[in-house]
Amino acid sequence: MNPAIYLVSILPGVGVNQLARPEGQALLTLLSATLAVVLLQHAINLWNDASDWRLGADVEKKDSWVRLYGGRTAPVVRQARVTFLLGSGVGLMLLIGMDRLWLLAYAAPLVGLGYLYNAGRRPLSYTCLGEWVTGLCYGGVFGGLWLLLRGEADRVALLGCLAFGCLASAVLLSHQPPQIETDRRAGKLSYAARKGMEATYRTARVLFLAFLIAWGFAVWSMSVGFVHVGLYLPAAAVAFAGACTRSPNPKYLLIAASLLFAVQELIYRLST
């Protein structure tokens, strides 16, 4: 297990909680929906490991699920299918329970893109669309959670989608440079394989900064108070410095973002 990587699914739920402040049944719904997203991410991670192993990319990855099963992809794919069904089932039950079945029109294409990211002989992750799909799907997670609770799209929903789309893309890009050579040999057109290490790290920093700016505007849009907004700026600056001073990697970015949300929560608790 690589627990830190699941923060990319958990943090949108944390963000919705901090801005919408649901209570009681609404909070339980948000927690359950976030769990569904984590299950779907886990399924996609498993499919990704199987796909990369089969196509020859990321074979040096130490924490690969295929490596855990001795190079056999079949048990990994079976586990992915079960987890995918569990996540989809939880999500569907929530949509029914919240009378939000219309959200299927929003969520189903995103889930489909997540599946196609690793499916077939030429998955989307092996094309130049991989980073765009990642940003779209994980940005869409925030939008889906927001719509599930609030029932309508607004400026905060758009800013949150932009923020978490940028964060997920930054995390993906920061993961790519160590795999440049194996990606190129496998014919994987990742951003790093096309642009090189320095350009990839630079773009990851820009995207993480865009995440901080977009989320700052989302916080401001909710009018949570001058103190909260004012203290967000130095907290965001510290998060950027901590994650991006060195070559960014997924754990640095996700832990920095998590600490930012923890500081936000502390500020909120102290100011109310």
Protein backbone atom coordinates (compact mmCIF):
# COMPACT_ATOMS: atom_id res chain seq x y z
CA MET A 1 0.00 0.00 0.00
CA ASN A 2 1.05 3.56 -0.68
CA PRO A 3 -1.32 5.47 1.64
CA ALA A 4 -0.20 8.99 0.73
CA ILE A 5 -1.33 8.66 -2.88
CA TYR A 6 -4.96 8.20 -1.79
CA LEU A 7 -4.92 11.75 -0.46
CA VAL A 8 -5.63 12.87 -4.03
CA SER A 9 -9.12 11.36 -3.57
CA ILE A 10 -9.55 12.27 0.10
CA LEU A 11 -8.60 15.95 -0.11
CA PRO A 12 -11.53 16.99 -2.37
CA GLY A 13 -13.84 15.60 0.33
CA VAL A 14 -11.91 17.54 2.96
CA GLY A 15 -12.21 20.68 0.83
CA VAL A 16 -15.98 20.28 0.40
CA ASN A 17 -16.32 19.77 4.14
CA GLN A 18 -14.35 22.92 4.93
CA LEU A 19 -16.37 25.12 2.59
CA ALA A 20 -19.85 23.60 2.90
CA ARG A 21 -19.63 22.55 6.59
CA PRO A 22 -22.20 19.72 6.36
CA GLU A 23 -23.58 18.25 9.56
CA GLY A 24 -25.41 15.08 10.56
CA GLN A 25 -26.67 13.03 7.64
CA ALA A 26 -25.08 15.37 5.09
CA LEU A 27 -21.65 14.82 6.67
CA LEU A 28 -22.16 11.06 6.65
CA THR A 29 -23.10 11.29 2.96
CA LEU A 30 -19.92 13.24 2.21
CA LEU A 31 -17.77 10.69 4.06
CA SER A 32 -19.43 7.80 2.23
CA ALA A 33 -19.04 9.51 -1.15
CA THR A 34 -15.36 10.15 -0.45
CA LEU A 35 -14.94 6.47 0.43
CA ALA A 36 -16.53 5.58 -2.92
CA VAL A 37 -14.00 7.80 -4.70
CA VAL A 38 -11.11 6.17 -2.82
CA LEU A 39 -12.37 2.72 -3.84
CA LEU A 40 -12.58 3.82 -7.48
CA GLN A 41 -9.08 5.29 -7.30
CA HIS A 42 -7.78 2.03 -5.82
CA ALA A 43 -9.33 0.08 -8.69
CA ILE A 44 -7.75 2.44 -11.22
CA ASN A 45 -4.37 2.15 -9.45
CA LEU A 46 -4.60 -1.64 -9.71
CA TRP A 47 -5.50 -1.51 -13.39
CA ASN A 48 -2.65 0.94 -13.91
CA ASP A 49 -0.14 -1.44 -12.32
CA ALA A 50 -1.41 -4.32 -14.46
CA SER A 51 -1.40 -2.22 -17.63
CA ASP A 52 2.09 -0.84 -17.04
CA TRP A 53 3.46 -4.30 -16.26
CA ARG A 54 1.89 -5.75 -19.41
CA LEU A 55 3.09 -2.90 -21.65
CA GLY A 56 6.56 -2.58 -20.13
CA ALA A 57 6.39 0.77 -18.28
CA ASP A 58 7.03 1.27 -14.56
CA VAL A 59 8.44 -2.27 -14.28
CA GLU A 60 11.05 -0.99 -11.80
CA LYS A 61 8.29 0.21 -9.46
CA LYS A 62 8.94 -1.36 -6.04
CA ASP A 63 5.40 -1.04 -4.65
CA SER A 64 3.62 -2.47 -7.70
CA TRP A 65 0.69 -4.75 -6.92
CA VAL A 66 1.77 -7.03 -9.78
CA ARG A 67 5.19 -7.41 -8.15
CA LEU A 68 3.41 -8.35 -4.90
CA TYR A 69 1.67 -11.18 -6.80
CA GLY A 70 4.91 -12.43 -8.33
CA GLY A 71 4.41 -10.86 -11.76
CA ARG A 72 0.86 -12.20 -12.21
CA THR A 73 -1.62 -9.61 -13.47
CA ALA A 74 -4.77 -11.76 -13.23
CA PRO A 75 -5.26 -11.45 -9.42
CA VAL A 76 -4.58 -7.71 -9.63
CA VAL A 77 -7.24 -7.28 -12.33
CA ARG A 78 -9.74 -9.36 -10.30
CA GLN A 79 -9.14 -7.20 -7.24
CA ALA A 80 -9.56 -4.09 -9.38
CA ARG A 81 -12.93 -5.30 -10.67
CA VAL A 82 -14.22 -6.05 -7.17
CA THR A 83 -13.06 -2.67 -5.84
CA PHE A 84 -14.51 -0.88 -8.85
CA LEU A 85 -17.90 -2.54 -8.31
CA LEU A 86 -17.82 -1.66 -4.60
CA GLY A 87 -17.01 1.99 -5.27
CA SER A 88 -19.62 2.24 -8.02
CA GLY A 89 -22.21 0.54 -5.82
CA VAL A 90 -21.64 2.89 -2.88
CA GLY A 91 -21.82 5.88 -5.20
CA LEU A 92 -25.02 4.70 -6.85
CA MET A 93 -26.71 4.07 -3.49
CA LEU A 94 -25.81 7.58 -2.39
CA LEU A 95 -27.26 9.10 -5.55
CA ILE A 96 -30.48 7.17 -4.99
CA GLY A 97 -30.60 8.05 -1.29
CA MET A 98 -30.00 11.75 -1.98
CA ASP A 99 -32.43 11.79 -4.93
CA ARG A 100 -29.58 12.88 -7.20
CA LEU A 101 -29.75 10.25 -9.94
CA TRP A 102 -29.37 13.04 -12.48
CA LEU A 103 -25.74 13.22 -11.30
CA LEU A 104 -25.09 9.99 -13.19
CA ALA A 105 -24.88 12.10 -16.35
CA TYR A 106 -21.99 13.96 -14.68
CA ALA A 107 -20.25 11.08 -12.91
CA ALA A 108 -20.52 8.23 -15.43
CA PRO A 109 -18.29 9.85 -18.10
CA LEU A 110 -15.63 10.58 -15.48
CA VAL A 111 -15.70 7.00 -14.23
CA GLY A 112 -15.54 5.83 -17.84
CA LEU A 113 -12.48 7.98 -18.48
CA GLY A 114 -10.87 6.55 -15.35
CA TYR A 115 -11.39 3.04 -16.72
CA LEU A 116 -10.15 3.91 -20.22
CA TYR A 117 -7.05 5.49 -18.65
CA ASN A 118 -5.67 1.93 -18.31
CA ALA A 119 -7.82 -0.19 -20.64
CA GLY A 120 -6.94 -1.75 -23.96
CA ARG A 121 -3.76 -2.03 -25.98
CA ARG A 122 -3.37 1.74 -26.10
CA PRO A 123 -4.69 3.16 -22.79
CA LEU A 124 -5.23 6.90 -22.45
CA SER A 125 -2.31 6.98 -19.99
CA TYR A 126 -0.02 6.05 -22.90
CA THR A 127 -1.15 8.99 -25.02
CA CYS A 128 -0.57 12.72 -24.69
CA LEU A 129 -4.08 12.95 -23.18
CA GLY A 130 -3.08 11.21 -19.95
CA GLU A 131 -2.39 14.34 -17.90
CA TRP A 132 -5.54 16.07 -19.18
CA VAL A 133 -7.68 13.06 -18.25
CA THR A 134 -6.18 12.94 -14.76
CA GLY A 135 -6.87 16.62 -14.15
CA LEU A 136 -10.39 16.36 -15.53
CA CYS A 137 -11.30 13.31 -13.44
CA TYR A 138 -9.90 14.45 -10.11
CA GLY A 139 -11.10 18.00 -10.61
CA GLY A 140 -14.46 16.44 -11.34
CA VAL A 141 -14.37 14.65 -7.99
CA PHE A 142 -14.70 17.95 -6.14
CA GLY A 143 -17.51 19.04 -8.46
CA GLY A 144 -19.35 15.76 -7.97
CA LEU A 145 -19.11 15.91 -4.18
CA TRP A 146 -20.21 19.54 -4.21
CA LEU A 147 -23.20 18.79 -6.43
CA LEU A 148 -24.14 15.80 -4.29
CA LEU A 149 -24.37 17.99 -1.19
CA ARG A 150 -25.50 21.33 -2.64
CA GLY A 151 -27.47 20.24 -5.70
CA GLU A 152 -26.28 23.08 -7.92
CA ALA A 153 -23.13 24.36 -9.59
CA ASP A 154 -21.71 27.75 -8.65
CA ARG A 155 -18.44 29.67 -8.71
CA VAL A 156 -17.05 27.70 -5.77
CA ALA A 157 -17.70 24.42 -7.59
CA LEU A 158 -15.78 25.65 -10.64
CA LEU A 159 -12.88 26.96 -8.55
CA GLY A 160 -12.72 23.71 -6.60
CA CYS A 161 -12.70 21.67 -9.81
CA LEU A 162 -9.86 23.82 -11.16
CA ALA A 163 -7.91 23.58 -7.90
CA PHE A 164 -8.05 19.81 -7.53
CA GLY A 165 -7.56 19.22 -11.23
CA CYS A 166 -4.32 21.19 -11.00
CA LEU A 167 -3.27 19.36 -7.83
CA ALA A 168 -3.86 15.91 -9.37
CA SER A 169 -2.00 16.86 -12.55
CA ALA A 170 0.91 18.24 -10.52
CA VAL A 171 1.09 14.99 -8.55
CA LEU A 172 1.08 12.92 -11.75
CA LEU A 173 3.78 15.03 -13.39
CA SER A 174 6.00 14.92 -10.31
CA HIS A 175 5.78 11.11 -10.47
CA GLN A 176 6.96 10.85 -14.07
CA PRO A 177 10.66 11.93 -14.28
CA PRO A 178 12.17 8.80 -12.66
CA GLN A 179 10.32 6.66 -15.25
CA ILE A 180 11.31 8.66 -18.35
CA GLU A 181 13.53 5.98 -19.90
CA THR A 182 11.16 3.07 -19.29
CA ASP A 183 8.23 5.17 -20.54
CA ARG A 184 10.07 5.97 -23.76
CA ARG A 185 11.03 2.33 -24.31
CA ALA A 186 7.40 1.29 -23.75
CA GLY A 187 6.14 3.98 -26.15
CA LYS A 188 4.32 5.85 -23.38
CA LEU A 189 3.80 9.47 -24.41
CA SER A 190 3.82 10.89 -20.90
CA TYR A 191 4.57 14.57 -20.45
CA ALA A 192 8.01 13.76 -19.04
CA ALA A 193 8.84 11.41 -21.90
CA ARG A 194 7.94 14.15 -24.38
CA LYS A 195 9.29 17.24 -22.60
CA GLY A 196 12.07 16.00 -20.33
CA MET A 197 12.73 16.10 -16.61
CA GLU A 198 13.29 19.83 -16.00
CA ALA A 199 10.23 20.94 -17.96
CA THR A 200 8.10 18.37 -16.12
CA TYR A 201 9.21 19.49 -12.67
CA ARG A 202 8.71 23.13 -13.69
CA THR A 203 5.18 22.43 -14.90
CA ALA A 204 4.41 20.48 -11.71
CA ARG A 205 5.42 23.55 -9.66
CA VAL A 206 3.23 25.83 -11.80
CA LEU A 207 0.26 23.51 -11.42
CA PHE A 208 0.70 23.26 -7.65
CA LEU A 209 0.83 27.06 -7.48
CA ALA A 210 -2.35 27.19 -9.60
CA PHE A 211 -3.98 24.81 -7.11
CA LEU A 212 -3.08 27.12 -4.21
CA ILE A 213 -4.37 30.21 -6.03
CA ALA A 214 -7.64 28.61 -7.20
CA TRP A 215 -8.32 27.20 -3.76
CA GLY A 216 -7.57 30.56 -2.19
CA PHE A 217 -10.23 32.15 -4.40
CA ALA A 218 -12.67 29.38 -3.43
CA VAL A 219 -12.06 30.14 0.25
CA TRP A 220 -12.54 33.85 -0.40
CA SER A 221 -15.73 33.20 -2.41
CA MET A 222 -17.33 31.48 0.56
CA SER A 223 -16.78 34.63 2.68
CA VAL A 224 -15.37 32.66 5.58
CA GLY A 225 -13.93 35.78 7.16
CA PHE A 226 -11.01 38.17 6.73
CA VAL A 227 -8.86 36.38 9.31
CA HIS A 228 -9.32 33.04 7.57
CA VAL A 229 -8.52 34.44 4.12
CA GLY A 230 -5.62 36.54 5.41
CA LEU A 231 -3.95 33.62 7.17
CA TYR A 232 -4.44 31.40 4.12
CA LEU A 233 -1.86 33.40 2.16
CA PRO A 234 1.19 32.70 4.39
CA ALA A 235 0.03 29.10 4.89
CA ALA A 236 -0.14 28.63 1.11
CA ALA A 237 3.30 30.22 0.69
CA VAL A 238 4.78 27.80 3.23
CA ALA A 239 3.07 24.86 1.51
CA PHE A 240 4.51 25.89 -1.86
CA ALA A 241 8.00 26.37 -0.44
CA GLY A 242 7.90 23.04 1.37
CA ALA A 243 6.68 21.07 -1.64
CA CYS A 244 8.47 22.79 -4.51
CA THR A 245 11.84 24.07 -3.27
CA ARG A 246 13.36 20.70 -4.11
CA SER A 247 12.31 18.56 -7.06
CA PRO A 248 8.63 17.97 -6.31
CA ASN A 249 7.38 14.42 -5.82
CA PRO A 250 3.86 13.09 -5.16
CA LYS A 251 4.32 12.69 -1.41
CA TYR A 252 5.74 16.21 -0.95
CA LEU A 253 2.84 17.75 -2.87
CA LEU A 254 0.09 15.75 -1.20
CA ILE A 255 1.48 16.12 2.32
CA ALA A 256 1.96 19.88 1.80
CA ALA A 257 -1.64 20.19 0.58
CA SER A 258 -2.86 18.11 3.54
CA LEU A 259 -1.01 20.31 6.03
CA LEU A 260 -2.53 23.36 4.35
CA PHE A 261 -6.03 21.98 4.91
CA ALA A 262 -5.11 21.09 8.50
CA VAL A 263 -4.01 24.70 9.11
CA GLN A 264 -7.22 25.96 7.52
CA GLU A 265 -9.25 23.77 9.84
CA LEU A 266 -7.31 24.99 12.86
CA ILE A 267 -7.85 28.62 11.84
CA TYR A 268 -11.56 27.98 11.40
CA ARG A 269 -11.86 26.32 14.82
CA LEU A 270 -9.99 29.14 16.54
CA SER A 271 -12.00 31.87 14.82
CA THR A 272 -15.49 30.46 15.54
